[in-house]
């Protein structure tokens, strides 16, 4: 029977790999909204319907983005409750300001990808401070040029709603 002795270099490499894998596993995670900042005196938040003022109107976009944004706020803001009253401490509203398609990639003089750009104009009214702030948020969504806009919308709508509601939430409630 023949035994092989593992030298120290191999042990060091194996140990390093094990430590590296452990560090990666514990440090990687799903993005969370840890930097949410809301003053203690804010007790109520009203979220108005996000209307669609874009030149191209996706009939599902306004209602879905409004609902997703409300869900995100109620999930992550525990200190305040959502209300329908105009007497709320925070009143958030806005509208879809841009919904446009452009060419984003050309291969061999043929359009390979198109880009759907969706923009939202937010209006944040802090009634406690008598202060109104406005923000513009925009996100691009690429899709194959072989798809029609309707086909692309069917594939992208979930991502559009998630990304824009995340960006809206971060713009209003994160301290970055």
Protein backbone atom coordinates (compact mmCIF):
# COMPACT_ATOMS: atom_id res chain seq x y z
CA UNK A 1 0.00 0.00 0.00
CA UNK A 2 1.39 3.35 -1.03
CA UNK A 3 0.60 6.55 0.89
CA UNK A 4 1.09 9.98 -0.55
CA UNK A 5 1.96 12.84 1.69
CA UNK A 6 0.22 16.09 0.85
CA UNK A 7 2.68 18.91 1.05
CA UNK A 8 2.01 22.15 2.85
CA UNK A 9 1.41 24.13 -0.35
CA UNK A 10 -1.50 21.90 -1.32
CA UNK A 11 -2.98 22.17 2.17
CA UNK A 12 -2.62 25.96 2.07
CA UNK A 13 -4.36 26.15 -1.29
CA UNK A 14 -7.21 23.89 -0.15
CA UNK A 15 -7.62 25.89 3.07
CA UNK A 16 -7.64 29.17 1.11
CA UNK A 17 -10.30 27.85 -1.26
CA UNK A 18 -12.50 26.69 1.60
CA UNK A 19 -12.22 30.06 3.34
CA UNK A 20 -12.90 31.94 0.10
CA UNK A 21 -16.02 29.88 -0.61
CA UNK A 22 -17.29 30.44 2.95
CA UNK A 23 -16.73 34.20 2.70
CA UNK A 24 -18.53 34.35 -0.64
CA UNK A 25 -21.48 32.36 0.64
CA UNK A 26 -21.94 34.49 3.73
CA UNK A 27 -21.33 37.86 2.08
CA UNK A 28 -23.47 37.37 -1.02
CA UNK A 29 -27.12 37.93 -0.58
CA UNK A 30 -30.24 39.42 -1.98
CA UNK A 31 -30.35 43.19 -2.08
CA UNK A 32 -32.30 44.65 0.80
CA UNK A 33 -33.54 48.12 1.62
CA UNK A 34 -31.55 48.59 4.82
CA UNK A 35 -30.94 52.29 4.40
CA UNK A 36 -34.59 53.23 4.63
CA UNK A 37 -34.88 56.51 6.46
CA UNK A 38 -38.11 57.95 7.71
CA UNK A 39 -38.43 60.32 10.67
CA UNK A 40 -40.26 59.07 13.76
CA UNK A 41 -42.90 61.80 13.47
CA UNK A 42 -44.10 60.48 10.08
CA UNK A 43 -47.17 58.40 10.82
CA UNK A 44 -49.12 58.42 7.55
CA UNK A 45 -48.27 58.13 3.86
CA UNK A 46 -50.59 58.62 0.92
CA UNK A 47 -49.60 57.27 -2.48
CA UNK A 48 -51.56 58.75 -5.35
CA UNK A 49 -52.22 56.90 -8.59
CA UNK A 50 -49.24 57.10 -10.96
CA UNK A 51 -50.91 58.36 -14.13
CA UNK A 52 -49.59 57.78 -17.64
CA UNK A 53 -48.67 60.95 -19.55
CA UNK A 54 -46.26 59.29 -21.98
CA UNK A 55 -46.72 59.50 -25.73
CA UNK A 56 -47.05 55.70 -25.92
CA UNK A 57 -49.42 54.33 -23.28
CA UNK A 58 -49.14 50.81 -21.94
CA UNK A 59 -52.62 50.33 -20.41
CA UNK A 60 -51.31 48.10 -17.59
CA UNK A 61 -48.35 50.20 -16.51
CA UNK A 62 -49.98 52.86 -14.31
CA UNK A 63 -52.06 50.54 -12.17
CA UNK A 64 -49.33 47.91 -11.80
CA UNK A 65 -46.58 50.38 -10.88
CA UNK A 66 -48.88 52.13 -8.38
CA UNK A 67 -49.81 48.80 -6.75
CA UNK A 68 -46.20 47.56 -6.64
CA UNK A 69 -44.99 50.83 -5.13
CA UNK A 70 -47.72 50.71 -2.46
CA UNK A 71 -46.78 47.11 -1.62
CA UNK A 72 -43.11 48.02 -1.32
CA UNK A 73 -43.83 50.98 0.94
CA UNK A 74 -46.16 48.98 3.20
CA UNK A 75 -43.60 46.13 3.39
CA UNK A 76 -40.58 48.25 4.27
CA UNK A 77 -41.99 51.23 6.13
CA UNK A 78 -43.33 49.86 9.40
CA UNK A 79 -43.47 53.15 11.32
CA UNK A 80 -46.13 54.71 9.10
CA UNK A 81 -49.36 53.45 7.60
CA UNK A 82 -50.74 53.97 4.12
CA UNK A 83 -53.85 56.14 4.05
CA UNK A 84 -56.17 57.67 1.45
CA UNK A 85 -56.47 61.01 3.21
CA UNK A 86 -54.95 64.21 1.88
CA UNK A 87 -53.97 64.97 5.50
CA UNK A 88 -51.10 62.47 5.31
CA UNK A 89 -47.61 63.36 6.51
CA UNK A 90 -46.12 62.28 3.16
CA UNK A 91 -48.04 62.49 -0.09
CA UNK A 92 -46.38 60.80 -3.06
CA UNK A 93 -47.61 61.03 -6.61
CA UNK A 94 -46.39 61.35 -10.12
CA UNK A 95 -46.81 60.15 -13.64
CA UNK A 96 -45.17 58.07 -16.33
CA UNK A 97 -43.35 60.74 -18.30
CA UNK A 98 -41.57 58.68 -20.94
CA UNK A 99 -42.30 55.43 -22.73
CA UNK A 100 -40.28 55.32 -25.92
CA UNK A 101 -38.47 52.85 -28.16
CA UNK A 102 -35.13 53.41 -29.83
CA UNK A 103 -32.49 51.32 -31.55
CA UNK A 104 -29.74 50.29 -29.16
CA UNK A 105 -27.66 47.82 -31.13
CA UNK A 106 -26.77 47.30 -34.76
CA UNK A 107 -25.01 44.24 -36.14
CA UNK A 108 -24.01 43.96 -39.81
CA UNK A 109 -26.03 47.11 -40.57
CA UNK A 110 -29.18 45.48 -39.21
CA UNK A 111 -30.90 46.44 -35.98
CA UNK A 112 -30.12 43.72 -33.42
CA UNK A 113 -31.66 45.19 -30.28
CA UNK A 114 -34.14 47.86 -29.41
CA UNK A 115 -34.40 49.78 -26.18
CA UNK A 116 -37.57 50.63 -24.31
CA UNK A 117 -37.01 53.64 -22.06
CA UNK A 118 -39.53 54.17 -19.28
CA UNK A 119 -39.44 57.31 -17.16
CA UNK A 120 -41.43 58.35 -14.10
CA UNK A 121 -41.74 61.85 -12.69
CA UNK A 122 -42.24 61.68 -8.90
CA UNK A 123 -43.71 64.39 -6.71
CA UNK A 124 -42.93 64.02 -3.01
CA UNK A 125 -44.84 66.30 -0.64
CA UNK A 126 -43.57 66.32 2.94
CA UNK A 127 -46.51 68.10 4.60
CA UNK A 128 -44.76 68.15 7.98
CA UNK A 129 -42.03 70.39 6.57
CA UNK A 130 -44.26 72.05 3.98
CA UNK A 131 -41.73 70.91 1.38
CA UNK A 132 -42.26 69.52 -2.13
CA UNK A 133 -39.52 67.73 -4.07
CA UNK A 134 -39.68 66.39 -7.59
CA UNK A 135 -37.58 63.59 -9.06
CA UNK A 136 -37.20 62.04 -12.49
CA UNK A 137 -36.42 58.34 -12.72
CA UNK A 138 -35.68 56.54 -15.96
CA UNK A 139 -34.70 53.01 -16.82
CA UNK A 140 -33.79 51.29 -20.10
CA UNK A 141 -34.94 47.80 -21.06
CA UNK A 142 -33.32 46.17 -24.08
CA UNK A 143 -35.10 43.60 -26.24
CA UNK A 144 -34.48 41.75 -29.49
CA UNK A 145 -35.30 43.75 -32.61
CA UNK A 146 -37.17 40.72 -33.94
CA UNK A 147 -39.90 41.32 -31.33
CA UNK A 148 -42.77 43.73 -31.73
CA UNK A 149 -43.28 46.27 -28.96
CA UNK A 150 -46.29 44.29 -27.71
CA UNK A 151 -44.23 41.09 -27.53
CA UNK A 152 -41.41 42.91 -25.75
CA UNK A 153 -43.85 44.49 -23.29
CA UNK A 154 -45.25 41.06 -22.43
CA UNK A 155 -41.74 39.83 -21.65
CA UNK A 156 -40.51 42.97 -19.89
CA UNK A 157 -43.52 44.23 -17.91
CA UNK A 158 -42.60 42.41 -14.70
CA UNK A 159 -39.03 43.77 -14.82
CA UNK A 160 -40.26 47.27 -15.66
CA UNK A 161 -42.63 47.31 -12.68
CA UNK A 162 -40.06 45.89 -10.26
CA UNK A 163 -37.15 48.09 -11.35
CA UNK A 164 -39.10 51.34 -11.45
CA UNK A 165 -40.90 50.77 -8.14
CA UNK A 166 -37.51 49.93 -6.53
CA UNK A 167 -35.99 53.11 -7.93
CA UNK A 168 -38.99 55.17 -6.82
CA UNK A 169 -38.76 53.71 -3.33
CA UNK A 170 -35.01 54.33 -3.12
CA UNK A 171 -35.34 57.90 -4.35
CA UNK A 172 -37.90 58.78 -1.70
CA UNK A 173 -36.94 56.66 1.32
CA UNK A 174 -33.24 55.78 1.08
CA UNK A 175 -30.58 58.03 2.48
CA UNK A 176 -28.18 57.85 -0.43
